[in-house]
Amino acid sequence: WYGKDIILVDTAGLRKKSKVEDNIEYYSNVRTYQAISRADVVLVMLDANKGVMKQDKTIAQYVIQKGKGLVMVVNKWDLVTKNSSTLKEFQRKITHQFKALDYYPSLFISALTKQRVSKVLDFVWNVYQARQQKINTKDLNSWLEKVQRIKAPPAPKGKEIKIKFMTQVNVSPPIFACFCNYPKLIPASYQRFFENQFRESFNFEGVPLIFSFRKK
């Protein structure tokens, strides 16, 4: 693909555990989870006629937990009756049902008519590159200073929390060590704010991020 070697692995669709009735289907599920664990980027296929099913959310959540790049691909888009707002409305439904997918791109295709199929690998490559990137420590700490001026961490029990330094310690997936005086007291709400602000400043679309708050 444009001089780049890309390995594509087509897996069987995952079914609910309650519907896995025989050994063949069981081992098919196992192989699919193994393929996800080995992948850099995972495409989760949705049926445009069905929307986001519970099992789709389970798979996407597993991909994110494994730190893999993720692209949501909505197939059978040719069968949907559309107007100017249909695509945005479908995207809104996806993120409404699974808020974490705000950070992950969606591509609407038709395997039958080939609509946008040629764009799939473009999306994959963009996510792959984002997952590989390393942010300069100086840039990280400049951002850290700014974000704490916008909104400082809360002070539970009167203890002022100060995040003093951060650095990227890993790529694929990106992991950021954030050193502070009371790491265990940083509430989940502030961690979400922290990640939202970070993603607005740095391009990690389609990539799970790990922020490890540690004792300074």
N, C-alpha and C. Protein backbone atom coordinates (compact mmCIF):
# COMPACT_ATOMS: atom_id res chain seq x y z
N TRP A 1 0.86 -1.19 0.00
CA TRP A 1 0.00 0.00 0.00
C TRP A 1 0.89 1.24 0.00
N TYR A 2 1.03 1.90 -1.16
CA TYR A 2 1.91 3.06 -1.31
C TYR A 2 3.31 2.78 -0.77
N GLY A 3 3.82 1.58 -1.05
CA GLY A 3 5.16 1.22 -0.63
C GLY A 3 5.29 0.76 0.81
N LYS A 4 4.18 0.65 1.51
CA LYS A 4 4.21 0.23 2.91
C LYS A 4 3.63 -1.18 3.04
N ASP A 5 4.24 -1.98 3.89
CA ASP A 5 3.75 -3.33 4.13
C ASP A 5 2.69 -3.30 5.23
N ILE A 6 1.49 -3.71 4.91
CA ILE A 6 0.39 -3.76 5.88
C ILE A 6 -0.21 -5.16 5.85
N ILE A 7 -0.32 -5.77 7.01
CA ILE A 7 -0.94 -7.09 7.12
C ILE A 7 -2.38 -6.92 7.58
N LEU A 8 -3.31 -7.41 6.78
CA LEU A 8 -4.73 -7.36 7.12
C LEU A 8 -5.19 -8.73 7.60
N VAL A 9 -5.84 -8.77 8.73
CA VAL A 9 -6.35 -10.02 9.29
C VAL A 9 -7.86 -9.92 9.37
N ASP A 10 -8.55 -10.76 8.63
CA ASP A 10 -10.02 -10.78 8.64
C ASP A 10 -10.47 -11.81 9.66
N THR A 11 -11.15 -11.36 10.70
CA THR A 11 -11.58 -12.27 11.76
C THR A 11 -13.07 -12.54 11.66
N ALA A 12 -13.49 -13.60 12.29
CA ALA A 12 -14.92 -13.90 12.38
C ALA A 12 -15.57 -12.90 13.33
N GLY A 13 -16.84 -12.62 13.09
CA GLY A 13 -17.56 -11.75 14.01
C GLY A 13 -17.71 -12.41 15.37
N LEU A 14 -17.58 -11.62 16.41
CA LEU A 14 -17.72 -12.17 17.76
C LEU A 14 -19.19 -12.25 18.15
N ARG A 15 -19.56 -13.34 18.78
CA ARG A 15 -20.93 -13.50 19.26
C ARG A 15 -20.94 -13.50 20.78
N LYS A 16 -22.10 -13.23 21.34
CA LYS A 16 -22.24 -13.27 22.79
C LYS A 16 -21.90 -14.67 23.30
N LYS A 17 -21.30 -14.70 24.50
CA LYS A 17 -20.91 -16.00 25.06
C LYS A 17 -22.10 -16.96 25.15
N SER A 18 -23.27 -16.42 25.43
CA SER A 18 -24.45 -17.28 25.58
C SER A 18 -24.85 -17.93 24.26
N LYS A 19 -24.37 -17.38 23.13
CA LYS A 19 -24.73 -17.91 21.82
C LYS A 19 -23.62 -18.74 21.20
N VAL A 20 -22.51 -18.90 21.90
CA VAL A 20 -21.42 -19.73 21.39
C VAL A 20 -21.76 -21.17 21.73
N GLU A 21 -22.21 -21.91 20.74
CA GLU A 21 -22.81 -23.22 21.01
C GLU A 21 -21.89 -24.40 20.75
N ASP A 22 -20.81 -24.21 20.02
CA ASP A 22 -19.96 -25.35 19.73
C ASP A 22 -18.49 -24.97 19.79
N ASN A 23 -17.64 -26.00 19.74
CA ASN A 23 -16.20 -25.78 19.87
C ASN A 23 -15.65 -24.92 18.74
N ILE A 24 -16.17 -25.11 17.52
CA ILE A 24 -15.67 -24.34 16.38
C ILE A 24 -15.87 -22.85 16.61
N GLU A 25 -17.09 -22.49 17.06
CA GLU A 25 -17.37 -21.07 17.30
C GLU A 25 -16.56 -20.55 18.49
N TYR A 26 -16.39 -21.37 19.50
CA TYR A 26 -15.61 -20.96 20.67
C TYR A 26 -14.18 -20.61 20.26
N TYR A 27 -13.54 -21.51 19.51
CA TYR A 27 -12.16 -21.27 19.11
C TYR A 27 -12.06 -20.14 18.09
N SER A 28 -13.11 -19.91 17.32
CA SER A 28 -13.15 -18.77 16.42
C SER A 28 -13.11 -17.47 17.21
N ASN A 29 -13.88 -17.41 18.31
CA ASN A 29 -13.86 -16.24 19.19
C ASN A 29 -12.48 -16.04 19.80
N VAL A 30 -11.87 -17.13 20.25
CA VAL A 30 -10.54 -17.06 20.86
C VAL A 30 -9.54 -16.49 19.86
N ARG A 31 -9.59 -16.97 18.62
CA ARG A 31 -8.65 -16.49 17.60
C ARG A 31 -8.87 -15.01 17.30
N THR A 32 -10.12 -14.57 17.35
CA THR A 32 -10.40 -13.16 17.12
C THR A 32 -9.79 -12.30 18.21
N TYR A 33 -9.95 -12.70 19.47
CA TYR A 33 -9.34 -11.94 20.57
C TYR A 33 -7.82 -11.97 20.48
N GLN A 34 -7.26 -13.08 20.05
CA GLN A 34 -5.81 -13.16 19.87
C GLN A 34 -5.35 -12.21 18.77
N ALA A 35 -6.12 -12.13 17.69
CA ALA A 35 -5.78 -11.23 16.59
C ALA A 35 -5.81 -9.77 17.04
N ILE A 36 -6.79 -9.42 17.87
CA ILE A 36 -6.85 -8.06 18.42
C ILE A 36 -5.61 -7.77 19.25
N SER A 37 -5.20 -8.74 20.06
CA SER A 37 -4.03 -8.55 20.92
C SER A 37 -2.75 -8.33 20.13
N ARG A 38 -2.68 -8.89 18.92
CA ARG A 38 -1.47 -8.77 18.10
C ARG A 38 -1.51 -7.55 17.18
N ALA A 39 -2.68 -6.94 17.02
CA ALA A 39 -2.85 -5.87 16.03
C ALA A 39 -2.30 -4.53 16.52
N ASP A 40 -2.02 -3.65 15.58
CA ASP A 40 -1.72 -2.25 15.88
C ASP A 40 -2.99 -1.40 15.83
N VAL A 41 -3.81 -1.66 14.81
CA VAL A 41 -5.06 -0.93 14.62
C VAL A 41 -6.17 -1.94 14.33
N VAL A 42 -7.33 -1.74 14.94
CA VAL A 42 -8.46 -2.65 14.76
C VAL A 42 -9.63 -1.89 14.13
N LEU A 43 -10.22 -2.50 13.11
CA LEU A 43 -11.44 -1.98 12.50
C LEU A 43 -12.63 -2.72 13.09
N VAL A 44 -13.53 -2.01 13.72
CA VAL A 44 -14.75 -2.63 14.25
C VAL A 44 -15.89 -2.30 13.29
N MET A 45 -16.46 -3.34 12.70
CA MET A 45 -17.49 -3.17 11.68
C MET A 45 -18.88 -3.08 12.31
N LEU A 46 -19.61 -2.04 11.95
CA LEU A 46 -21.00 -1.88 12.38
C LEU A 46 -21.91 -2.03 11.16
N ASP A 47 -23.12 -2.46 11.42
CA ASP A 47 -24.15 -2.56 10.38
C ASP A 47 -24.99 -1.28 10.45
N ALA A 48 -25.00 -0.51 9.37
CA ALA A 48 -25.72 0.77 9.37
C ALA A 48 -27.20 0.59 9.67
N ASN A 49 -27.76 -0.56 9.32
CA ASN A 49 -29.18 -0.80 9.56
C ASN A 49 -29.49 -1.10 11.03
N LYS A 50 -28.48 -1.54 11.77
CA LYS A 50 -28.69 -1.95 13.16
C LYS A 50 -28.17 -0.93 14.16
N GLY A 51 -27.25 -0.08 13.74
CA GLY A 51 -26.65 0.86 14.68
C GLY A 51 -25.63 0.17 15.56
N VAL A 52 -25.36 0.76 16.71
CA VAL A 52 -24.37 0.21 17.63
C VAL A 52 -25.04 -0.82 18.53
N MET A 53 -24.65 -2.07 18.38
CA MET A 53 -25.19 -3.15 19.20
C MET A 53 -24.34 -3.30 20.46
N LYS A 54 -24.91 -3.96 21.47
CA LYS A 54 -24.19 -4.16 22.73
C LYS A 54 -22.86 -4.87 22.50
N GLN A 55 -22.86 -5.86 21.60
CA GLN A 55 -21.64 -6.60 21.33
C GLN A 55 -20.58 -5.73 20.65
N ASP A 56 -21.02 -4.77 19.83
CA ASP A 56 -20.08 -3.83 19.20
C ASP A 56 -19.36 -3.02 20.27
N LYS A 57 -20.11 -2.56 21.26
CA LYS A 57 -19.53 -1.79 22.36
C LYS A 57 -18.54 -2.62 23.15
N THR A 58 -18.90 -3.90 23.37
CA THR A 58 -18.01 -4.80 24.11
C THR A 58 -16.68 -4.97 23.38
N ILE A 59 -16.75 -5.16 22.06
CA ILE A 59 -15.53 -5.34 21.27
C ILE A 59 -14.70 -4.06 21.29
N ALA A 60 -15.34 -2.91 21.06
CA ALA A 60 -14.62 -1.64 21.05
C ALA A 60 -13.95 -1.38 22.39
N GLN A 61 -14.65 -1.69 23.46
CA GLN A 61 -14.09 -1.50 24.80
C GLN A 61 -12.88 -2.40 25.00
N TYR A 62 -12.94 -3.63 24.51
CA TYR A 62 -11.81 -4.55 24.62
C TYR A 62 -10.60 -4.01 23.85
N VAL A 63 -10.85 -3.49 22.65
CA VAL A 63 -9.77 -2.92 21.83
C VAL A 63 -9.10 -1.76 22.57
N ILE A 64 -9.91 -0.88 23.15
CA ILE A 64 -9.37 0.27 23.89
C ILE A 64 -8.59 -0.19 25.11
N GLN A 65 -9.12 -1.16 25.85
CA GLN A 65 -8.42 -1.67 27.03
C GLN A 65 -7.07 -2.27 26.67
N LYS A 66 -6.97 -2.84 25.49
CA LYS A 66 -5.72 -3.43 25.02
C LYS A 66 -4.75 -2.38 24.46
N GLY A 67 -5.19 -1.13 24.41
CA GLY A 67 -4.32 -0.06 23.94
C GLY A 67 -4.12 -0.04 22.44
N LYS A 68 -5.04 -0.61 21.69
CA LYS A 68 -4.91 -0.69 20.24
C LYS A 68 -5.59 0.51 19.57
N GLY A 69 -5.08 0.87 18.39
CA GLY A 69 -5.76 1.89 17.60
C GLY A 69 -7.12 1.37 17.17
N LEU A 70 -8.09 2.27 17.02
CA LEU A 70 -9.46 1.85 16.72
C LEU A 70 -10.11 2.76 15.68
N VAL A 71 -10.70 2.14 14.67
CA VAL A 71 -11.52 2.85 13.69
C VAL A 71 -12.87 2.14 13.62
N MET A 72 -13.96 2.89 13.76
CA MET A 72 -15.29 2.33 13.62
C MET A 72 -15.70 2.44 12.15
N VAL A 73 -16.02 1.31 11.53
CA VAL A 73 -16.40 1.29 10.12
C VAL A 73 -17.87 0.89 10.02
N VAL A 74 -18.68 1.80 9.50
CA VAL A 74 -20.12 1.56 9.37
C VAL A 74 -20.41 1.09 7.95
N ASN A 75 -20.77 -0.18 7.80
CA ASN A 75 -21.00 -0.77 6.49
C ASN A 75 -22.50 -0.69 6.11
N LYS A 76 -22.78 -0.95 4.85
CA LYS A 76 -24.15 -0.93 4.29
C LYS A 76 -24.75 0.48 4.30
N TRP A 77 -23.89 1.48 4.18
CA TRP A 77 -24.35 2.86 4.19
C TRP A 77 -25.24 3.16 2.98
N ASP A 78 -25.10 2.36 1.94
CA ASP A 78 -25.92 2.55 0.73
C ASP A 78 -27.40 2.23 0.98
N LEU A 79 -27.67 1.45 2.02
CA LEU A 79 -29.05 1.03 2.30
C LEU A 79 -29.80 2.02 3.19
N VAL A 80 -29.10 3.03 3.68
CA VAL A 80 -29.71 3.99 4.60
C VAL A 80 -30.32 5.15 3.81
N THR A 81 -31.57 5.48 4.13
CA THR A 81 -32.20 6.67 3.55
C THR A 81 -31.58 7.90 4.20
N LYS A 82 -31.00 8.77 3.38
CA LYS A 82 -30.18 9.84 3.94
C LYS A 82 -30.68 11.23 3.57
N ASN A 83 -30.34 12.18 4.45
CA ASN A 83 -30.45 13.60 4.13
C ASN A 83 -29.15 14.26 4.57
N SER A 84 -29.09 15.57 4.58
CA SER A 84 -27.83 16.27 4.86
C SER A 84 -27.31 16.06 6.28
N SER A 85 -28.18 15.63 7.19
CA SER A 85 -27.76 15.49 8.59
C SER A 85 -27.64 14.03 9.04
N THR A 86 -27.91 13.07 8.15
CA THR A 86 -27.95 11.66 8.55
C THR A 86 -26.63 11.18 9.12
N LEU A 87 -25.53 11.50 8.43
CA LEU A 87 -24.22 11.02 8.87
C LEU A 87 -23.87 11.56 10.25
N LYS A 88 -24.04 12.87 10.45
CA LYS A 88 -23.73 13.46 11.75
C LYS A 88 -24.62 12.89 12.85
N GLU A 89 -25.87 12.63 12.51
CA GLU A 89 -26.80 12.07 13.50
C GLU A 89 -26.38 10.66 13.89
N PHE A 90 -25.92 9.87 12.92
CA PHE A 90 -25.45 8.52 13.22
C PHE A 90 -24.21 8.58 14.11
N GLN A 91 -23.29 9.49 13.80
CA GLN A 91 -22.10 9.66 14.63
C GLN A 91 -22.48 10.05 16.05
N ARG A 92 -23.48 10.93 16.16
CA ARG A 92 -23.93 11.36 17.49
C ARG A 92 -24.48 10.18 18.28
N LYS A 93 -25.21 9.29 17.60
CA LYS A 93 -25.76 8.12 18.27
C LYS A 93 -24.64 7.20 18.76
N ILE A 94 -23.60 7.06 17.95
CA ILE A 94 -22.47 6.21 18.34
C ILE A 94 -21.85 6.72 19.63
N THR A 95 -21.52 8.02 19.68
CA THR A 95 -20.86 8.57 20.86
C THR A 95 -21.81 8.70 22.04
N HIS A 96 -23.11 8.84 21.77
CA HIS A 96 -24.09 8.89 22.87
C HIS A 96 -24.15 7.54 23.58
N GLN A 97 -24.08 6.46 22.81
CA GLN A 97 -24.16 5.13 23.40
C GLN A 97 -22.84 4.70 24.04
N PHE A 98 -21.74 5.25 23.56
CA PHE A 98 -20.43 4.88 24.11
C PHE A 98 -19.55 6.12 24.07
N LYS A 99 -19.56 6.89 25.16
CA LYS A 99 -18.93 8.21 25.20
C LYS A 99 -17.47 8.18 24.80
N ALA A 100 -16.75 7.11 25.13
CA ALA A 100 -15.32 7.02 24.83
C ALA A 100 -15.04 7.12 23.33
N LEU A 101 -16.04 6.79 22.50
CA LEU A 101 -15.82 6.79 21.05
C LEU A 101 -15.76 8.20 20.47
N ASP A 102 -15.93 9.22 21.30
CA ASP A 102 -15.68 10.60 20.87
C ASP A 102 -14.28 10.74 20.30
N TYR A 103 -13.37 9.94 20.81
CA TYR A 103 -11.95 10.06 20.46
C TYR A 103 -11.55 9.22 19.26
N TYR A 104 -12.49 8.50 18.68
CA TYR A 104 -12.15 7.53 17.63
C TYR A 104 -12.92 7.83 16.35
N PRO A 105 -12.25 7.75 15.19
CA PRO A 105 -12.91 8.11 13.93
C PRO A 105 -13.90 7.07 13.46
N SER A 106 -14.91 7.53 12.73
CA SER A 106 -15.90 6.65 12.11
C SER A 106 -15.85 6.86 10.60
N LEU A 107 -15.93 5.76 9.86
CA LEU A 107 -15.93 5.82 8.41
C LEU A 107 -17.17 5.09 7.90
N PHE A 108 -17.92 5.73 7.02
CA PHE A 108 -19.17 5.17 6.52
C PHE A 108 -18.95 4.66 5.10
N ILE A 109 -19.13 3.35 4.92
CA ILE A 109 -18.79 2.72 3.64
C ILE A 109 -19.93 1.83 3.14
N SER A 110 -19.76 1.37 1.92
CA SER A 110 -20.61 0.31 1.38
C SER A 110 -19.69 -0.70 0.70
N ALA A 111 -19.59 -1.88 1.27
CA ALA A 111 -18.77 -2.93 0.66
C ALA A 111 -19.36 -3.33 -0.69
N LEU A 112 -20.68 -3.19 -0.84
CA LEU A 112 -21.35 -3.59 -2.08
C LEU A 112 -21.03 -2.63 -3.22
N THR A 113 -21.18 -1.33 -2.97
CA THR A 113 -20.96 -0.33 -4.03
C THR A 113 -19.54 0.23 -4.03
N LYS A 114 -18.74 -0.17 -3.04
CA LYS A 114 -17.35 0.29 -2.88
C LYS A 114 -17.25 1.74 -2.42
N GLN A 115 -18.35 2.32 -1.98
CA GLN A 115 -18.34 3.70 -1.50
C GLN A 115 -17.38 3.86 -0.33
N ARG A 116 -16.39 4.73 -0.47
CA ARG A 116 -15.39 5.08 0.54
C ARG A 116 -14.50 3.91 0.97
N VAL A 117 -14.63 2.75 0.36
CA VAL A 117 -13.79 1.61 0.76
C VAL A 117 -12.31 1.95 0.59
N SER A 118 -11.99 2.73 -0.43
CA SER A 118 -10.59 3.09 -0.68
C SER A 118 -10.00 3.95 0.43
N LYS A 119 -10.86 4.53 1.28
CA LYS A 119 -10.37 5.40 2.36
C LYS A 119 -10.02 4.63 3.63
N VAL A 120 -10.38 3.36 3.69
CA VAL A 120 -10.19 2.59 4.92
C VAL A 120 -8.72 2.60 5.35
N LEU A 121 -7.82 2.27 4.44
CA LEU A 121 -6.40 2.21 4.81
C LEU A 121 -5.82 3.59 5.11
N ASP A 122 -6.39 4.64 4.53
CA ASP A 122 -5.96 5.99 4.91
C ASP A 122 -6.25 6.23 6.39
N PHE A 123 -7.44 5.86 6.83
CA PHE A 123 -7.80 6.00 8.24
C PHE A 123 -6.89 5.15 9.11
N VAL A 124 -6.66 3.91 8.69
CA VAL A 124 -5.80 3.00 9.46
C VAL A 124 -4.40 3.58 9.60
N TRP A 125 -3.84 4.08 8.52
CA TRP A 125 -2.47 4.59 8.55
C TRP A 125 -2.36 5.83 9.44
N ASN A 126 -3.35 6.71 9.39
CA ASN A 126 -3.34 7.90 10.25
C ASN A 126 -3.35 7.51 11.73
N VAL A 127 -4.17 6.53 12.08
CA VAL A 127 -4.24 6.08 13.47
C VAL A 127 -2.93 5.39 13.86
N TYR A 128 -2.40 4.58 12.96
CA TYR A 128 -1.12 3.89 13.23
C TYR A 128 -0.02 4.90 13.53
N GLN A 129 0.08 5.94 12.71
CA GLN A 129 1.11 6.96 12.92
C GLN A 129 0.90 7.71 14.23
N ALA A 130 -0.36 8.02 14.55
CA ALA A 130 -0.65 8.71 15.81
C ALA A 130 -0.22 7.86 17.00
N ARG A 131 -0.42 6.57 16.89
CA ARG A 131 -0.08 5.64 17.98
C ARG A 131 1.43 5.54 18.17
N GLN A 132 2.20 5.82 17.12
CA GLN A 132 3.65 5.71 17.18
C GLN A 132 4.35 6.99 17.65
N GLN A 133 3.61 8.09 17.71
CA GLN A 133 4.29 9.37 17.92
C GLN A 133 4.79 9.55 19.35
N LYS A 134 5.88 10.31 19.46
CA LYS A 134 6.50 10.62 20.75
C LYS A 134 6.50 12.14 20.90
N ILE A 135 5.92 12.62 21.98
CA ILE A 135 5.83 14.05 22.23
C ILE A 135 7.03 14.51 23.06
N ASN A 136 7.65 15.58 22.63
CA ASN A 136 8.80 16.16 23.32
C ASN A 136 8.45 16.53 24.76
N THR A 137 9.34 16.19 25.69
CA THR A 137 9.08 16.45 27.11
C THR A 137 8.87 17.93 27.40
N LYS A 138 9.63 18.78 26.71
CA LYS A 138 9.47 20.22 26.91
C LYS A 138 8.07 20.67 26.51
N ASP A 139 7.57 20.15 25.39
CA ASP A 139 6.22 20.51 24.94
C ASP A 139 5.16 20.00 25.91
N LEU A 140 5.38 18.81 26.44
CA LEU A 140 4.43 18.25 27.40
C LEU A 140 4.32 19.13 28.64
N ASN A 141 5.45 19.57 29.16
CA ASN A 141 5.43 20.34 30.40
C ASN A 141 4.97 21.77 30.19
N SER A 142 5.17 22.29 28.99
CA SER A 142 4.59 23.58 28.65
C SER A 142 3.07 23.47 28.65
N TRP A 143 2.56 22.38 28.06
CA TRP A 143 1.11 22.13 28.06
C TRP A 143 0.60 21.91 29.48
N LEU A 144 1.34 21.16 30.29
CA LEU A 144 0.94 20.85 31.66
C LEU A 144 0.75 22.13 32.47
N GLU A 145 1.66 23.06 32.31
CA GLU A 145 1.56 24.33 33.02
C GLU A 145 0.31 25.10 32.60
N LYS A 146 0.03 25.10 31.30
CA LYS A 146 -1.13 25.83 30.79
C LYS A 146 -2.44 25.21 31.27
N VAL A 147 -2.52 23.87 31.23
CA VAL A 147 -3.78 23.22 31.57
C VAL A 147 -4.11 23.41 33.05
N GLN A 148 -3.09 23.48 33.90
CA GLN A 148 -3.36 23.69 35.33
C GLN A 148 -3.72 25.14 35.63
N ARG A 149 -3.35 26.04 34.72
CA ARG A 149 -3.82 27.43 34.86
C ARG A 149 -5.28 27.53 34.45
N ILE A 150 -5.66 26.74 33.45
CA ILE A 150 -7.07 26.73 33.03
C ILE A 150 -7.95 26.17 34.14
N LYS A 151 -7.51 25.05 34.70
CA LYS A 151 -8.27 24.42 35.77
C LYS A 151 -7.32 23.60 36.63
N ALA A 152 -7.12 24.04 37.85
CA ALA A 152 -6.23 23.32 38.76
C ALA A 152 -6.93 22.09 39.31
N PRO A 153 -6.18 21.05 39.66
CA PRO A 153 -6.81 19.89 40.30
C PRO A 153 -7.51 20.31 41.59
N PRO A 154 -8.60 19.65 41.96
CA PRO A 154 -9.29 19.99 43.21
C PRO A 154 -8.40 19.70 44.41
N ALA A 155 -8.81 20.24 45.54
CA ALA A 155 -8.03 20.05 46.77
C ALA A 155 -8.85 19.25 47.77
N PRO A 156 -8.95 17.93 47.61
CA PRO A 156 -9.73 17.11 48.55
C PRO A 156 -9.10 17.12 49.93
N LYS A 157 -9.95 17.25 50.94
CA LYS A 157 -9.48 17.25 52.33
C LYS A 157 -8.47 18.36 52.58
N GLY A 158 -8.58 19.44 51.79
CA GLY A 158 -7.69 20.58 51.98
C GLY A 158 -6.28 20.38 51.46
N LYS A 159 -6.05 19.29 50.76
CA LYS A 159 -4.71 19.01 50.24
C LYS A 159 -4.61 19.49 48.79
N GLU A 160 -3.79 20.49 48.57
CA GLU A 160 -3.62 21.03 47.22
C GLU A 160 -2.80 20.08 46.36
N ILE A 161 -3.38 19.69 45.23
CA ILE A 161 -2.69 18.77 44.32
C ILE A 161 -1.96 19.59 43.26
N LYS A 162 -0.71 19.26 43.04
CA LYS A 162 0.09 19.92 42.02
C LYS A 162 0.78 18.85 41.17
N ILE A 163 0.44 18.83 39.88
CA ILE A 163 1.12 17.93 38.94
C ILE A 163 2.36 18.68 38.46
N LYS A 164 3.53 18.19 38.86
CA LYS A 164 4.76 18.96 38.70
C LYS A 164 5.52 18.68 37.41
N PHE A 165 5.34 17.48 36.86
CA PHE A 165 6.17 17.11 35.71
C PHE A 165 5.52 15.94 34.98
N MET A 166 5.65 15.92 33.65
CA MET A 166 5.17 14.76 32.90
C MET A 166 6.12 14.44 31.75
N THR A 167 6.16 13.17 31.41
CA THR A 167 6.99 12.72 30.30
C THR A 167 6.36 11.49 29.66
N GLN A 168 6.60 11.29 28.39
CA GLN A 168 6.08 10.11 27.70
C GLN A 168 7.06 8.96 27.88
N VAL A 169 6.58 7.85 28.41
CA VAL A 169 7.45 6.72 28.72
C VAL A 169 7.25 5.55 27.77
N ASN A 170 6.27 5.65 26.86
CA ASN A 170 6.03 4.54 25.94
C ASN A 170 5.23 5.02 24.73
N VAL A 171 5.41 4.31 23.61
CA VAL A 171 4.53 4.48 22.45
C VAL A 171 3.90 3.13 22.17
N SER A 172 2.82 3.14 21.42
CA SER A 172 2.15 1.89 21.01
C SER A 172 1.81 0.95 22.16
N PRO A 173 1.00 1.33 23.12
CA PRO A 173 0.23 2.57 23.18
C PRO A 173 1.00 3.69 23.88
N PRO A 174 0.60 4.94 23.65
CA PRO A 174 1.25 6.05 24.34
C PRO A 174 0.93 6.05 25.83
N ILE A 175 1.98 6.10 26.64
CA ILE A 175 1.82 6.16 28.10
C ILE A 175 2.57 7.39 28.60
N PHE A 176 1.92 8.16 29.45
CA PHE A 176 2.50 9.38 29.98
C PHE A 176 2.58 9.29 31.50
N ALA A 177 3.78 9.46 32.03
CA ALA A 177 3.97 9.48 33.47
C ALA A 177 3.80 10.91 33.96
N CYS A 178 2.88 11.10 34.91
CA CYS A 178 2.58 12.43 35.45
C CYS A 178 2.91 12.41 36.95
N PHE A 179 3.89 13.19 37.34
CA PHE A 179 4.37 13.15 38.72
C PHE A 179 3.73 14.27 39.54
N CYS A 180 3.17 13.89 40.68
CA CYS A 180 2.50 14.87 41.53
C CYS A 180 2.62 14.48 43.00
N ASN A 181 2.15 15.37 43.86
CA ASN A 181 2.31 15.14 45.30
C ASN A 181 1.28 14.16 45.87
N TYR A 182 0.06 14.16 45.33
CA TYR A 182 -0.99 13.26 45.83
C TYR A 182 -1.67 12.53 44.67
N PRO A 183 -0.99 11.61 44.01
CA PRO A 183 -1.56 10.96 42.82
C PRO A 183 -2.86 10.21 43.08
N LYS A 184 -3.01 9.63 44.26
CA LYS A 184 -4.20 8.84 44.55
C LYS A 184 -5.44 9.69 44.82
N LEU A 185 -5.24 10.99 45.00
CA LEU A 185 -6.36 11.87 45.31
C LEU A 185 -6.94 12.56 44.08
N ILE A 186 -6.34 12.35 42.92
CA ILE A 186 -6.85 12.99 41.70
C ILE A 186 -8.15 12.29 41.28
N PRO A 187 -9.28 12.99 41.30
CA PRO A 187 -10.56 12.33 40.99
C PRO A 187 -10.69 11.99 39.51
N ALA A 188 -11.57 11.05 39.22
CA ALA A 188 -11.79 10.61 37.84
C ALA A 188 -12.26 11.76 36.96
N SER A 189 -13.05 12.68 37.54
CA SER A 189 -13.57 13.80 36.75
C SER A 189 -12.43 14.69 36.25
N TYR A 190 -11.41 14.90 37.09
CA TYR A 190 -10.28 15.72 36.65
C TYR A 190 -9.42 14.96 35.65
N GLN A 191 -9.31 13.65 35.81
CA GLN A 191 -8.55 12.86 34.85
C GLN A 191 -9.20 12.92 33.47
N ARG A 192 -10.54 12.92 33.42
CA ARG A 192 -11.24 13.05 32.14
C ARG A 192 -10.99 14.43 31.52
N PHE A 193 -11.07 15.47 32.36
CA PHE A 193 -10.77 16.82 31.89
C PHE A 193 -9.35 16.89 31.35
N PHE A 194 -8.42 16.30 32.06
CA PHE A 194 -7.00 16.28 31.69
C PHE A 194 -6.83 15.65 30.30
N GLU A 195 -7.46 14.50 30.10
CA GLU A 195 -7.35 13.82 28.80
C GLU A 195 -8.02 14.61 27.69
N ASN A 196 -9.20 15.17 27.96
CA ASN A 196 -9.90 15.96 26.95
C ASN A 196 -9.05 17.14 26.48
N GLN A 197 -8.45 17.84 27.44
CA GLN A 197 -7.60 18.98 27.11
C GLN A 197 -6.36 18.54 26.32
N PHE A 198 -5.81 17.41 26.72
CA PHE A 198 -4.62 16.88 26.05
C PHE A 198 -4.93 16.56 24.59
N ARG A 199 -6.06 15.92 24.36
CA ARG A 199 -6.43 15.54 22.99
C ARG A 199 -6.73 16.75 22.12
N GLU A 200 -7.17 17.83 22.72
CA GLU A 200 -7.40 19.05 21.95
C GLU A 200 -6.09 19.68 21.49
N SER A 201 -5.01 19.39 22.21
CA SER A 201 -3.71 19.99 21.90
C SER A 201 -2.81 19.10 21.05
N PHE A 202 -2.98 17.78 21.17
CA PHE A 202 -2.13 16.84 20.44
C PHE A 202 -3.02 15.85 19.68
N ASN A 203 -2.59 15.49 18.47
CA ASN A 203 -3.41 14.62 17.62
C ASN A 203 -3.19 13.15 17.94
N PHE A 204 -4.10 12.60 18.72
CA PHE A 204 -4.09 11.17 19.03
C PHE A 204 -5.44 10.54 18.68
N GLU A 205 -6.08 11.03 17.61
CA GLU A 205 -7.38 10.48 17.24
C GLU A 205 -7.26 8.99 16.93
N GLY A 206 -8.17 8.22 17.52
CA GLY A 206 -8.17 6.78 17.27
C GLY A 206 -7.25 5.99 18.17
N VAL A 207 -6.61 6.66 19.12
CA VAL A 207 -5.58 6.02 19.94
C VAL A 207 -5.93 6.11 21.43
N PRO A 208 -5.96 4.99 22.14
CA PRO A 208 -6.14 5.05 23.59
C PRO A 208 -4.90 5.66 24.25
N LEU A 209 -5.12 6.50 25.24
CA LEU A 209 -4.01 7.12 25.97
C LEU A 209 -4.03 6.65 27.42
N ILE A 210 -2.85 6.48 27.97
CA ILE A 210 -2.72 6.08 29.37
C ILE A 210 -1.95 7.16 30.11
N PHE A 211 -2.57 7.74 31.13
CA PHE A 211 -1.91 8.72 31.99
C PHE A 211 -1.68 8.07 33.35
N SER A 212 -0.42 7.89 33.68
CA SER A 212 -0.05 7.24 34.94
C SER A 212 0.37 8.31 35.94
N PHE A 213 -0.51 8.59 36.91
CA PHE A 213 -0.20 9.60 37.92
C PHE A 213 0.61 8.95 39.03
N ARG A 214 1.80 9.51 39.25
CA ARG A 214 2.76 8.89 40.17
C ARG A 214 3.23 9.87 41.22
N LYS A 215 3.70 9.32 42.32
CA LYS A 215 4.21 10.13 43.43
C LYS A 215 5.53 10.77 43.06
N LYS A 216 5.64 12.08 43.26
CA LYS A 216 6.88 12.80 42.97
C LYS A 216 7.87 12.58 44.10
